[in-house]
Amino acid sequence: MADDSVHALLADEELVDCTLLIDGEGMGHLLGDDKAGDLAKGAQLKLALWLALVLAKKNMVRISLPNRYGPSVRADLEAGPTVVDLHSIAPYYYTVGHKLADATGEDSLRKELRAAIS
């Protein structure tokens, strides 16, 4: 397996906050409990990025941007990529950020990420 493939897999395992948009019958196991009960609409979940993206496309969850993509870190990015150590914040900051920007429609995040690496 190529090194890039390993990094892509690891980036897809990053946990993101999601809100359930449907009643999740039998989805209790997503909370990490041994019980496979039901989840109510509006339940807050931390899901692997790959799963969150699939469920978001099916309008089953809404993905929330993690704090590391919030205004303060993004302001640091605008100041220059050397201002903040992104690897210490998240090893796959750019990869995950681009996927989250696509999923959430955050065009400003996408532009800021592109500007930071160019």
PDB file of N, CA and C in Angstrom:
ATOM      1  N   MET A   1       0.846  -1.175   0.000  1.00  0.00           N
ATOM      2  CA  MET A   1       0.000   0.000   0.000  1.00  0.00           C
ATOM      3  C   MET A   1       0.891   1.238   0.000  1.00  0.00           C
ATOM      4  N   ALA A   2       0.587   2.185  -0.857  1.00  0.00           N
ATOM      5  CA  ALA A   2       1.374   3.401  -0.967  1.00  0.00           C
ATOM      6  C   ALA A   2       1.216   4.248   0.287  1.00  0.00           C
ATOM      7  N   ASP A   3       2.250   5.027   0.570  1.00  0.00           N
ATOM      8  CA  ASP A   3       2.246   5.886   1.751  1.00  0.00           C
ATOM      9  C   ASP A   3       1.058   6.842   1.743  1.00  0.00           C
ATOM     10  N   ASP A   4       0.700   7.394   0.569  1.00  0.00           N
ATOM     11  CA  ASP A   4      -0.432   8.310   0.469  1.00  0.00           C
ATOM     12  C   ASP A   4      -1.738   7.621   0.845  1.00  0.00           C
ATOM     13  N   SER A   5      -1.881   6.350   0.495  1.00  0.00           N
ATOM     14  CA  SER A   5      -3.096   5.611   0.822  1.00  0.00           C
ATOM     15  C   SER A   5      -3.242   5.439   2.326  1.00  0.00           C
ATOM     16  N   VAL A   6      -2.138   5.191   3.005  1.00  0.00           N
ATOM     17  CA  VAL A   6      -2.169   5.046   4.465  1.00  0.00           C
ATOM     18  C   VAL A   6      -2.600   6.365   5.102  1.00  0.00           C
ATOM     19  N   HIS A   7      -2.043   7.470   4.621  1.00  0.00           N
ATOM     20  CA  HIS A   7      -2.405   8.778   5.169  1.00  0.00           C
ATOM     21  C   HIS A   7      -3.867   9.107   4.893  1.00  0.00           C
ATOM     22  N   ALA A   8      -4.355   8.742   3.723  1.00  0.00           N
ATOM     23  CA  ALA A   8      -5.763   8.986   3.397  1.00  0.00           C
ATOM     24  C   ALA A   8      -6.670   8.192   4.334  1.00  0.00           C
ATOM     25  N   LEU A   9      -6.301   6.944   4.610  1.00  0.00           N
ATOM     26  CA  LEU A   9      -7.088   6.128   5.534  1.00  0.00           C
ATOM     27  C   LEU A   9      -7.073   6.709   6.939  1.00  0.00           C
ATOM     28  N   LEU A  10      -5.917   7.157   7.390  1.00  0.00           N
ATOM     29  CA  LEU A  10      -5.815   7.736   8.728  1.00  0.00           C
ATOM     30  C   LEU A  10      -6.602   9.038   8.830  1.00  0.00           C
ATOM     31  N   ALA A  11      -6.591   9.839   7.786  1.00  0.00           N
ATOM     32  CA  ALA A  11      -7.367  11.081   7.783  1.00  0.00           C
ATOM     33  C   ALA A  11      -8.855  10.769   7.874  1.00  0.00           C
ATOM     34  N   ASP A  12      -9.303   9.733   7.179  1.00  0.00           N
ATOM     35  CA  ASP A  12     -10.721   9.365   7.190  1.00  0.00           C
ATOM     36  C   ASP A  12     -11.184   8.818   8.533  1.00  0.00           C
ATOM     37  N   GLU A  13     -10.254   8.454   9.402  1.00  0.00           N
ATOM     38  CA  GLU A  13     -10.606   7.950  10.730  1.00  0.00           C
ATOM     39  C   GLU A  13     -10.762   9.073  11.764  1.00  0.00           C
ATOM     40  N   GLU A  14     -10.424  10.306  11.378  1.00  0.00           N
ATOM     41  CA  GLU A  14     -10.559  11.444  12.288  1.00  0.00           C
ATOM     42  C   GLU A  14     -12.012  11.566  12.747  1.00  0.00           C
ATOM     43  N   LEU A  15     -12.225  11.790  14.036  1.00  0.00           N
ATOM     44  CA  LEU A  15     -13.578  11.914  14.571  1.00  0.00           C
ATOM     45  C   LEU A  15     -14.102  13.332  14.389  1.00  0.00           C
ATOM     46  N   VAL A  16     -15.359  13.433  13.964  1.00  0.00           N
ATOM     47  CA  VAL A  16     -16.009  14.729  13.804  1.00  0.00           C
ATOM     48  C   VAL A  16     -17.351  14.712  14.527  1.00  0.00           C
ATOM     49  N   ASP A  17     -17.748  15.887  14.993  1.00  0.00           N
ATOM     50  CA  ASP A  17     -19.031  16.022  15.675  1.00  0.00           C
ATOM     51  C   ASP A  17     -20.154  16.074  14.655  1.00  0.00           C
ATOM     52  N   CYS A  18     -21.216  15.331  14.944  1.00  0.00           N
ATOM     53  CA  CYS A  18     -22.375  15.276  14.062  1.00  0.00           C
ATOM     54  C   CYS A  18     -23.646  15.358  14.889  1.00  0.00           C
ATOM     55  N   THR A  19     -24.692  15.838  14.247  1.00  0.00           N
ATOM     56  CA  THR A  19     -26.025  15.852  14.838  1.00  0.00           C
ATOM     57  C   THR A  19     -26.908  14.955  13.994  1.00  0.00           C
ATOM     58  N   LEU A  20     -27.603  14.045  14.638  1.00  0.00           N
ATOM     59  CA  LEU A  20     -28.486  13.118  13.938  1.00  0.00           C
ATOM     60  C   LEU A  20     -29.731  13.870  13.461  1.00  0.00           C
ATOM     61  N   LEU A  21     -30.052  13.753  12.189  1.00  0.00           N
ATOM     62  CA  LEU A  21     -31.194  14.452  11.597  1.00  0.00           C
ATOM     63  C   LEU A  21     -32.436  13.579  11.480  1.00  0.00           C
ATOM     64  N   ILE A  22     -32.305  12.335  11.877  1.00  0.00           N
ATOM     65  CA  ILE A  22     -33.418  11.382  11.813  1.00  0.00           C
ATOM     66  C   ILE A  22     -33.488  10.643  13.144  1.00  0.00           C
ATOM     67  N   ASP A  23     -34.576   9.931  13.377  1.00  0.00           N
ATOM     68  CA  ASP A  23     -34.616   9.014  14.510  1.00  0.00           C
ATOM     69  C   ASP A  23     -33.811   7.783  14.110  1.00  0.00           C
ATOM     70  N   GLY A  24     -32.820   7.447  14.918  1.00  0.00           N
ATOM     71  CA  GLY A  24     -31.912   6.364  14.579  1.00  0.00           C
ATOM     72  C   GLY A  24     -32.285   5.065  15.269  1.00  0.00           C
ATOM     73  N   GLU A  25     -33.178   4.331  14.671  1.00  0.00           N
ATOM     74  CA  GLU A  25     -33.610   3.060  15.238  1.00  0.00           C
ATOM     75  C   GLU A  25     -32.461   2.054  15.194  1.00  0.00           C
ATOM     76  N   GLY A  26     -32.095   1.524  16.358  1.00  0.00           N
ATOM     77  CA  GLY A  26     -31.038   0.530  16.453  1.00  0.00           C
ATOM     78  C   GLY A  26     -29.638   1.092  16.248  1.00  0.00           C
ATOM     79  N   MET A  27     -29.483   2.414  16.365  1.00  0.00           N
ATOM     80  CA  MET A  27     -28.177   3.037  16.113  1.00  0.00           C
ATOM     81  C   MET A  27     -27.439   3.420  17.399  1.00  0.00           C
ATOM     82  N   GLY A  28     -27.912   2.946  18.526  1.00  0.00           N
ATOM     83  CA  GLY A  28     -27.289   3.285  19.810  1.00  0.00           C
ATOM     84  C   GLY A  28     -25.822   2.883  19.892  1.00  0.00           C
ATOM     85  N   HIS A  29     -25.431   1.860  19.164  1.00  0.00           N
ATOM     86  CA  HIS A  29     -24.038   1.411  19.185  1.00  0.00           C
ATOM     87  C   HIS A  29     -23.077   2.487  18.689  1.00  0.00           C
ATOM     88  N   LEU A  30     -23.575   3.488  17.958  1.00  0.00           N
ATOM     89  CA  LEU A  30     -22.712   4.569  17.479  1.00  0.00           C
ATOM     90  C   LEU A  30     -22.202   5.447  18.621  1.00  0.00           C
ATOM     91  N   LEU A  31     -22.850   5.381  19.770  1.00  0.00           N
ATOM     92  CA  LEU A  31     -22.393   6.131  20.938  1.00  0.00           C
ATOM     93  C   LEU A  31     -21.291   5.390  21.680  1.00  0.00           C
ATOM     94  N   GLY A  32     -20.978   4.183  21.239  1.00  0.00           N
ATOM     95  CA  GLY A  32     -19.931   3.408  21.876  1.00  0.00           C
ATOM     96  C   GLY A  32     -20.437   2.548  23.016  1.00  0.00           C
ATOM     97  N   ASP A  33     -21.729   2.543  23.234  1.00  0.00           N
ATOM     98  CA  ASP A  33     -22.313   1.704  24.281  1.00  0.00           C
ATOM     99  C   ASP A  33     -22.450   0.279  23.770  1.00  0.00           C
ATOM    100  N   ASP A  34     -22.509  -0.649  24.707  1.00  0.00           N
ATOM    101  CA  ASP A  34     -22.729  -2.042  24.318  1.00  0.00           C
ATOM    102  C   ASP A  34     -24.167  -2.271  23.876  1.00  0.00           C
ATOM    103  N   LYS A  35     -25.044  -1.397  24.324  1.00  0.00           N
ATOM    104  CA  LYS A  35     -26.455  -1.541  23.961  1.00  0.00           C
ATOM    105  C   LYS A  35     -26.679  -0.958  22.578  1.00  0.00           C
ATOM    106  N   ALA A  36     -27.470  -1.618  21.789  1.00  0.00           N
ATOM    107  CA  ALA A  36     -27.779  -1.135  20.440  1.00  0.00           C
ATOM    108  C   ALA A  36     -29.179  -0.536  20.426  1.00  0.00           C
ATOM    109  N   GLY A  37     -29.462   0.356  21.371  1.00  0.00           N
ATOM    110  CA  GLY A  37     -30.773   0.990  21.442  1.00  0.00           C
ATOM    111  C   GLY A  37     -30.965   2.013  20.338  1.00  0.00           C
ATOM    112  N   ASP A  38     -32.002   2.785  20.490  1.00  0.00           N
ATOM    113  CA  ASP A  38     -32.331   3.789  19.496  1.00  0.00           C
ATOM    114  C   ASP A  38     -31.700   5.125  19.862  1.00  0.00           C
ATOM    115  N   LEU A  39     -31.508   5.971  18.863  1.00  0.00           N
ATOM    116  CA  LEU A  39     -31.045   7.346  19.062  1.00  0.00           C
ATOM    117  C   LEU A  39     -32.132   8.292  18.577  1.00  0.00           C
ATOM    118  N   ALA A  40     -32.372   9.316  19.347  1.00  0.00           N
ATOM    119  CA  ALA A  40     -33.389  10.293  18.974  1.00  0.00           C
ATOM    120  C   ALA A  40     -32.821  11.316  17.995  1.00  0.00           C
ATOM    121  N   LYS A  41     -33.685  11.843  17.173  1.00  0.00           N
ATOM    122  CA  LYS A  41     -33.311  12.936  16.278  1.00  0.00           C
ATOM    123  C   LYS A  41     -32.706  14.049  17.125  1.00  0.00           C
ATOM    124  N   GLY A  42     -31.602  14.607  16.675  1.00  0.00           N
ATOM    125  CA  GLY A  42     -30.924  15.660  17.429  1.00  0.00           C
ATOM    126  C   GLY A  42     -29.796  15.156  18.315  1.00  0.00           C
ATOM    127  N   ALA A  43     -29.625  13.841  18.402  1.00  0.00           N
ATOM    128  CA  ALA A  43     -28.548  13.276  19.221  1.00  0.00           C
ATOM    129  C   ALA A  43     -27.200  13.730  18.673  1.00  0.00           C
ATOM    130  N   GLN A  44     -26.264  13.993  19.598  1.00  0.00           N
ATOM    131  CA  GLN A  44     -24.912  14.413  19.222  1.00  0.00           C
ATOM    132  C   GLN A  44     -24.014  13.182  19.182  1.00  0.00           C
ATOM    133  N   LEU A  45     -23.262  13.038  18.094  1.00  0.00           N
ATOM    134  CA  LEU A  45     -22.389  11.882  17.896  1.00  0.00           C
ATOM    135  C   LEU A  45     -21.002  12.323  17.472  1.00  0.00           C
ATOM    136  N   LYS A  46     -20.007  11.537  17.803  1.00  0.00           N
ATOM    137  CA  LYS A  46     -18.670  11.681  17.231  1.00  0.00           C
ATOM    138  C   LYS A  46     -18.487  10.476  16.319  1.00  0.00           C
ATOM    139  N   LEU A  47     -18.330  10.765  15.034  1.00  0.00           N
ATOM    140  CA  LEU A  47     -18.210   9.699  14.048  1.00  0.00           C
ATOM    141  C   LEU A  47     -16.913   9.840  13.274  1.00  0.00           C
ATOM    142  N   ALA A  48     -16.403   8.722  12.790  1.00  0.00           N
ATOM    143  CA  ALA A  48     -15.261   8.756  11.890  1.00  0.00           C
ATOM    144  C   ALA A  48     -15.662   9.561  10.658  1.00  0.00           C
ATOM    145  N   LEU A  49     -14.724  10.328  10.137  1.00  0.00           N
ATOM    146  CA  LEU A  49     -15.009  11.206   9.004  1.00  0.00           C
ATOM    147  C   LEU A  49     -15.651  10.451   7.847  1.00  0.00           C
ATOM    148  N   TRP A  50     -15.128   9.276   7.524  1.00  0.00           N
ATOM    149  CA  TRP A  50     -15.662   8.534   6.378  1.00  0.00           C
ATOM    150  C   TRP A  50     -17.144   8.215   6.574  1.00  0.00           C
ATOM    151  N   LEU A  51     -17.523   7.830   7.799  1.00  0.00           N
ATOM    152  CA  LEU A  51     -18.921   7.497   8.077  1.00  0.00           C
ATOM    153  C   LEU A  51     -19.785   8.748   8.098  1.00  0.00           C
ATOM    154  N   ALA A  52     -19.267   9.807   8.692  1.00  0.00           N
ATOM    155  CA  ALA A  52     -20.013  11.069   8.735  1.00  0.00           C
ATOM    156  C   ALA A  52     -20.306  11.577   7.322  1.00  0.00           C
ATOM    157  N   LEU A  53     -19.328  11.455   6.430  1.00  0.00           N
ATOM    158  CA  LEU A  53     -19.535  11.922   5.055  1.00  0.00           C
ATOM    159  C   LEU A  53     -20.612  11.117   4.343  1.00  0.00           C
ATOM    160  N   VAL A  54     -20.603   9.818   4.538  1.00  0.00           N
ATOM    161  CA  VAL A  54     -21.622   8.956   3.912  1.00  0.00           C
ATOM    162  C   VAL A  54     -23.010   9.302   4.448  1.00  0.00           C
ATOM    163  N   LEU A  55     -23.132   9.419   5.766  1.00  0.00           N
ATOM    164  CA  LEU A  55     -24.429   9.715   6.374  1.00  0.00           C
ATOM    165  C   LEU A  55     -24.903  11.127   6.043  1.00  0.00           C
ATOM    166  N   ALA A  56     -23.978  12.074   5.909  1.00  0.00           N
ATOM    167  CA  ALA A  56     -24.352  13.446   5.546  1.00  0.00           C
ATOM    168  C   ALA A  56     -24.913  13.494   4.125  1.00  0.00           C
ATOM    169  N   LYS A  57     -24.332  12.723   3.222  1.00  0.00           N
ATOM    170  CA  LYS A  57     -24.839  12.682   1.844  1.00  0.00           C
ATOM    171  C   LYS A  57     -26.259  12.140   1.791  1.00  0.00           C
ATOM    172  N   LYS A  58     -26.596  11.296   2.751  1.00  0.00           N
ATOM    173  CA  LYS A  58     -27.942  10.714   2.817  1.00  0.00           C
ATOM    174  C   LYS A  58     -28.868  11.540   3.705  1.00  0.00           C
ATOM    175  N   ASN A  59     -28.403  12.735   4.114  1.00  0.00           N
ATOM    176  CA  ASN A  59     -29.163  13.644   4.980  1.00  0.00           C
ATOM    177  C   ASN A  59     -29.583  12.991   6.294  1.00  0.00           C
ATOM    178  N   MET A  60     -28.709  12.142   6.823  1.00  0.00           N
ATOM    179  CA  MET A  60     -28.982  11.492   8.099  1.00  0.00           C
ATOM    180  C   MET A  60     -28.290  12.203   9.250  1.00  0.00           C
ATOM    181  N   VAL A  61     -27.179  12.913   8.963  1.00  0.00           N
ATOM    182  CA  VAL A  61     -26.475  13.681   9.984  1.00  0.00           C
ATOM    183  C   VAL A  61     -26.061  15.029   9.398  1.00  0.00           C
ATOM    184  N   ARG A  62     -25.835  15.979  10.311  1.00  0.00           N
ATOM    185  CA  ARG A  62     -25.239  17.259   9.945  1.00  0.00           C
ATOM    186  C   ARG A  62     -23.874  17.304  10.616  1.00  0.00           C
ATOM    187  N   ILE A  63     -22.854  17.578   9.842  1.00  0.00           N
ATOM    188  CA  ILE A  63     -21.489  17.633  10.360  1.00  0.00           C
ATOM    189  C   ILE A  63     -21.210  19.040  10.878  1.00  0.00           C
ATOM    190  N   SER A  64     -20.633  19.118  12.066  1.00  0.00           N
ATOM    191  CA  SER A  64     -20.205  20.394  12.638  1.00  0.00           C
ATOM    192  C   SER A  64     -18.698  20.508  12.485  1.00  0.00           C
ATOM    193  N   LEU A  65     -18.237  21.693  12.124  1.00  0.00           N
ATOM    194  CA  LEU A  65     -16.797  21.899  12.002  1.00  0.00           C
ATOM    195  C   LEU A  65     -16.154  21.863  13.376  1.00  0.00           C
ATOM    196  N   PRO A  66     -15.079  21.104  13.545  1.00  0.00           N
ATOM    197  CA  PRO A  66     -14.361  21.088  14.824  1.00  0.00           C
ATOM    198  C   PRO A  66     -13.762  22.465  15.119  1.00  0.00           C
ATOM    199  N   ASN A  67     -13.489  22.742  16.389  1.00  0.00           N
ATOM    200  CA  ASN A  67     -12.915  24.021  16.805  1.00  0.00           C
ATOM    201  C   ASN A  67     -11.616  24.337  16.079  1.00  0.00           C
ATOM    202  N   ARG A  68     -10.882  23.323  15.706  1.00  0.00           N
ATOM    203  CA  ARG A  68      -9.595  23.570  15.041  1.00  0.00           C
ATOM    204  C   ARG A  68      -9.770  24.184  13.657  1.00  0.00           C
ATOM    205  N   TYR A  69     -11.001  24.239  13.166  1.00  0.00           N
ATOM    206  CA  TYR A  69     -11.297  24.928  11.914  1.00  0.00           C
ATOM    207  C   TYR A  69     -12.087  26.204  12.187  1.00  0.00           C
ATOM    208  N   GLY A  70     -12.076  26.646  13.427  1.00  0.00           N
ATOM    209  CA  GLY A  70     -12.802  27.840  13.845  1.00  0.00           C
ATOM    210  C   GLY A  70     -12.059  29.126  13.523  1.00  0.00           C
ATOM    211  N   PRO A  71     -12.652  30.235  13.900  1.00  0.00           N
ATOM    212  CA  PRO A  71     -12.121  31.556  13.536  1.00  0.00           C
ATOM    213  C   PRO A  71     -10.697  31.838  14.011  1.00  0.00           C
ATOM    214  N   SER A  72     -10.335  31.415  15.206  1.00  0.00           N
ATOM    215  CA  SER A  72      -9.001  31.769  15.716  1.00  0.00           C
ATOM    216  C   SER A  72      -7.898  31.043  14.949  1.00  0.00           C
ATOM    217  N   VAL A  73      -8.078  29.757  14.687  1.00  0.00           N
ATOM    218  CA  VAL A  73      -7.060  29.008  13.934  1.00  0.00           C
ATOM    219  C   VAL A  73      -7.028  29.495  12.487  1.00  0.00           C
ATOM    220  N   ARG A  74      -8.191  29.786  11.929  1.00  0.00           N
ATOM    221  CA  ARG A  74      -8.237  30.270  10.555  1.00  0.00           C
ATOM    222  C   ARG A  74      -7.584  31.641  10.433  1.00  0.00           C
ATOM    223  N   ALA A  75      -7.712  32.467  11.453  1.00  0.00           N
ATOM    224  CA  ALA A  75      -7.027  33.769  11.448  1.00  0.00           C
ATOM    225  C   ALA A  75      -5.516  33.565  11.479  1.00  0.00           C
ATOM    226  N   ASP A  76      -5.064  32.589  12.263  1.00  0.00           N
ATOM    227  CA  ASP A  76      -3.634  32.276  12.294  1.00  0.00           C
ATOM    228  C   ASP A  76      -3.155  31.795  10.926  1.00  0.00           C
ATOM    229  N   LEU A  77      -3.984  31.008  10.238  1.00  0.00           N
ATOM    230  CA  LEU A  77      -3.627  30.531   8.903  1.00  0.00           C
ATOM    231  C   LEU A  77      -3.462  31.698   7.932  1.00  0.00           C
ATOM    232  N   GLU A  78      -4.344  32.685   8.044  1.00  0.00           N
ATOM    233  CA  GLU A  78      -4.247  33.846   7.166  1.00  0.00           C
ATOM    234  C   GLU A  78      -2.960  34.612   7.422  1.00  0.00           C
ATOM    235  N   ALA A  79      -2.492  34.611   8.670  1.00  0.00           N
ATOM    236  CA  ALA A  79      -1.248  35.293   9.001  1.00  0.00           C
ATOM    237  C   ALA A  79      -0.053  34.583   8.382  1.00  0.00           C
ATOM    238  N   GLY A  80      -0.193  33.294   8.148  1.00  0.00           N
ATOM    239  CA  GLY A  80       0.882  32.523   7.515  1.00  0.00           C
ATOM    240  C   GLY A  80       0.958  31.138   8.104  1.00  0.00           C
ATOM    241  N   PRO A  81       1.318  30.151   7.291  1.00  0.00           N
ATOM    242  CA  PRO A  81       1.346  28.762   7.749  1.00  0.00           C
ATOM    243  C   PRO A  81       2.387  28.498   8.832  1.00  0.00           C
ATOM    244  N   THR A  82       3.360  29.398   8.985  1.00  0.00           N
ATOM    245  CA  THR A  82       4.378  29.186  10.023  1.00  0.00           C
ATOM    246  C   THR A  82       3.943  29.711  11.384  1.00  0.00           C
ATOM    247  N   VAL A  83       2.815  30.414  11.439  1.00  0.00           N
ATOM    248  CA  VAL A  83       2.324  30.989  12.701  1.00  0.00           C
ATOM    249  C   VAL A  83       1.773  29.904  13.623  1.00  0.00           C
ATOM    250  N   VAL A  84       1.191  28.877  13.054  1.00  0.00           N
ATOM    251  CA  VAL A  84       0.550  27.822  13.853  1.00  0.00           C
ATOM    252  C   VAL A  84       1.089  26.459  13.409  1.00  0.00           C
ATOM    253  N   ASP A  85       1.346  25.594  14.385  1.00  0.00           N
ATOM    254  CA  ASP A  85       1.820  24.239  14.094  1.00  0.00           C
ATOM    255  C   ASP A  85       0.602  23.337  13.887  1.00  0.00           C
ATOM    256  N   LEU A  86       0.170  23.239  12.647  1.00  0.00           N
ATOM    257  CA  LEU A  86      -1.048  22.485  12.344  1.00  0.00           C
ATOM    258  C   LEU A  86      -0.892  21.001  12.614  1.00  0.00           C
ATOM    259  N   HIS A  87       0.303  20.472  12.467  1.00  0.00           N
ATOM    260  CA  HIS A  87       0.505  19.050  12.729  1.00  0.00           C
ATOM    261  C   HIS A  87       0.222  18.713  14.197  1.00  0.00           C
ATOM    262  N   SER A  88       0.521  19.633  15.099  1.00  0.00           N
ATOM    263  CA  SER A  88       0.238  19.373  16.514  1.00  0.00           C
ATOM    264  C   SER A  88      -1.263  19.478  16.800  1.00  0.00           C
ATOM    265  N   ILE A  89      -1.984  20.259  15.996  1.00  0.00           N
ATOM    266  CA  ILE A  89      -3.429  20.384  16.168  1.00  0.00           C
ATOM    267  C   ILE A  89      -4.128  19.150  15.606  1.00  0.00           C
ATOM    268  N   ALA A  90      -3.747  18.779  14.394  1.00  0.00           N
ATOM    269  CA  ALA A  90      -4.332  17.614  13.726  1.00  0.00           C
ATOM    270  C   ALA A  90      -3.378  17.190  12.616  1.00  0.00           C
ATOM    271  N   PRO A  91      -2.898  15.963  12.650  1.00  0.00           N
ATOM    272  CA  PRO A  91      -1.908  15.516  11.666  1.00  0.00           C
ATOM    273  C   PRO A  91      -2.365  15.631  10.210  1.00  0.00           C
ATOM    274  N   TYR A  92      -3.653  15.565   9.969  1.00  0.00           N
ATOM    275  CA  TYR A  92      -4.173  15.603   8.599  1.00  0.00           C
ATOM    276  C   TYR A  92      -5.086  16.813   8.418  1.00  0.00           C
ATOM    277  N   TYR A  93      -4.635  17.934   8.953  1.00  0.00           N
ATOM    278  CA  TYR A  93      -5.435  19.165   8.998  1.00  0.00           C
ATOM    279  C   TYR A  93      -5.984  19.542   7.628  1.00  0.00           C
ATOM    280  N   TYR A  94      -5.124  19.599   6.615  1.00  0.00           N
ATOM    281  CA  TYR A  94      -5.559  20.043   5.289  1.00  0.00           C
ATOM    282  C   TYR A  94      -6.485  19.034   4.622  1.00  0.00           C
ATOM    283  N   THR A  95      -6.134  17.768   4.682  1.00  0.00           N
ATOM    284  CA  THR A  95      -6.954  16.728   4.047  1.00  0.00           C
ATOM    285  C   THR A  95      -8.352  16.701   4.649  1.00  0.00           C
ATOM    286  N   VAL A  96      -8.416  16.659   5.969  1.00  0.00           N
ATOM    287  CA  VAL A  96      -9.714  16.630   6.655  1.00  0.00           C
ATOM    288  C   VAL A  96     -10.457  17.935   6.410  1.00  0.00           C
ATOM    289  N   GLY A  97      -9.744  19.053   6.467  1.00  0.00           N
ATOM    290  CA  GLY A  97     -10.376  20.356   6.256  1.00  0.00           C
ATOM    291  C   GLY A  97     -11.039  20.476   4.901  1.00  0.00           C
ATOM    292  N   HIS A  98     -10.363  19.997   3.851  1.00  0.00           N
ATOM    293  CA  HIS A  98     -10.961  20.051   2.514  1.00  0.00           C
ATOM    294  C   HIS A  98     -12.208  19.174   2.431  1.00  0.00           C
ATOM    295  N   LYS A  99     -12.161  18.011   3.026  1.00  0.00           N
ATOM    296  CA  LYS A  99     -13.334  17.128   3.000  1.00  0.00           C
ATOM    297  C   LYS A  99     -14.494  17.737   3.782  1.00  0.00           C
ATOM    298  N   LEU A 100     -14.184  18.355   4.928  1.00  0.00           N
ATOM    299  CA  LEU A 100     -15.231  18.995   5.714  1.00  0.00           C
ATOM    300  C   LEU A 100     -15.806  20.207   4.983  1.00  0.00           C
ATOM    301  N   ALA A 101     -14.953  20.971   4.328  1.00  0.00           N
ATOM    302  CA  ALA A 101     -15.429  22.129   3.571  1.00  0.00           C
ATOM    303  C   ALA A 101     -16.382  21.695   2.462  1.00  0.00           C
ATOM    304  N   ASP A 102     -16.042  20.609   1.776  1.00  0.00           N
ATOM    305  CA  ASP A 102     -16.923  20.093   0.725  1.00  0.00           C
ATOM    306  C   ASP A 102     -18.253  19.625   1.304  1.00  0.00           C
ATOM    307  N   ALA A 103     -18.190  18.931   2.431  1.00  0.00           N
ATOM    308  CA  ALA A 103     -19.407  18.355   3.027  1.00  0.00           C
ATOM    309  C   ALA A 103     -20.318  19.412   3.630  1.00  0.00           C
ATOM    310  N   THR A 104     -19.726  20.481   4.164  1.00  0.00           N
ATOM    311  CA  THR A 104     -20.530  21.494   4.856  1.00  0.00           C
ATOM    312  C   THR A 104     -20.809  22.723   4.001  1.00  0.00           C
ATOM    313  N   GLY A 105     -20.199  22.780   2.825  1.00  0.00           N
ATOM    314  CA  GLY A 105     -20.399  23.935   1.962  1.00  0.00           C
ATOM    315  C   GLY A 105     -19.658  25.177   2.446  1.00  0.00           C
ATOM    316  N   GLU A 106     -18.635  24.975   3.261  1.00  0.00           N
ATOM    317  CA  GLU A 106     -17.840  26.086   3.798  1.00  0.00           C
ATOM    318  C   GLU A 106     -16.813  26.544   2.762  1.00  0.00           C
ATOM    319  N   ASP A 107     -17.255  27.355   1.812  1.00  0.00           N
ATOM    320  CA  ASP A 107     -16.356  27.825   0.763  1.00  0.00           C
ATOM    321  C   ASP A 107     -15.211  28.653   1.317  1.00  0.00           C
ATOM    322  N   SER A 108     -15.483  29.426   2.375  1.00  0.00           N
ATOM    323  CA  SER A 108     -14.413  30.255   2.943  1.00  0.00           C
ATOM    324  C   SER A 108     -13.304  29.384   3.531  1.00  0.00           C
ATOM    325  N   LEU A 109     -13.654  28.271   4.156  1.00  0.00           N
ATOM    326  CA  LEU A 109     -12.635  27.358   4.689  1.00  0.00           C
ATOM    327  C   LEU A 109     -11.803  26.781   3.550  1.00  0.00           C
ATOM    328  N   ARG A 110     -12.456  26.357   2.501  1.00  0.00           N
ATOM    329  CA  ARG A 110     -11.753  25.790   1.348  1.00  0.00           C
ATOM    330  C   ARG A 110     -10.757  26.805   0.781  1.00  0.00           C
ATOM    331  N   LYS A 111     -11.191  28.052   0.621  1.00  0.00           N
ATOM    332  CA  LYS A 111     -10.316  29.098   0.078  1.00  0.00           C
ATOM    333  C   LYS A 111      -9.145  29.382   1.013  1.00  0.00           C
ATOM    334  N   GLU A 112      -9.404  29.420   2.315  1.00  0.00           N
ATOM    335  CA  GLU A 112      -8.343  29.693   3.282  1.00  0.00           C
ATOM    336  C   GLU A 112      -7.319  28.562   3.328  1.00  0.00           C
ATOM    337  N   LEU A 113      -7.774  27.329   3.207  1.00  0.00           N
ATOM    338  CA  LEU A 113      -6.850  26.202   3.172  1.00  0.00           C
ATOM    339  C   LEU A 113      -5.978  26.243   1.915  1.00  0.00           C
ATOM    340  N   ARG A 114      -6.601  26.545   0.792  1.00  0.00           N
ATOM    341  CA  ARG A 114      -5.839  26.643  -0.471  1.00  0.00           C
ATOM    342  C   ARG A 114      -4.811  27.766  -0.399  1.00  0.00           C
ATOM    343  N   ALA A 115      -5.222  28.910   0.149  1.00  0.00           N
ATOM    344  CA  ALA A 115      -4.323  30.055   0.240  1.00  0.00           C
ATOM    345  C   ALA A 115      -3.145  29.758   1.170  1.00  0.00           C
ATOM    346  N   ALA A 116      -3.397  28.992   2.208  1.00  0.00           N
ATOM    347  CA  ALA A 116      -2.338  28.690   3.194  1.00  0.00           C
ATOM    348  C   ALA A 116      -1.241  27.801   2.623  1.00  0.00           C
ATOM    349  N   ILE A 117      -1.591  26.969   1.644  1.00  0.00           N
ATOM    350  CA  ILE A 117      -0.573  26.068   1.103  1.00  0.00           C
ATOM    351  C   ILE A 117       0.010  26.553  -0.221  1.00  0.00           C
ATOM    352  N   SER A 118      -0.473  27.695  -0.692  1.00  0.00           N
ATOM    353  CA  SER A 118       0.073  28.200  -1.968  1.00  0.00           C
ATOM    354  C   SER A 118       1.056  29.314  -1.743  1.00  0.00           C
TER     355      SER A 118
END
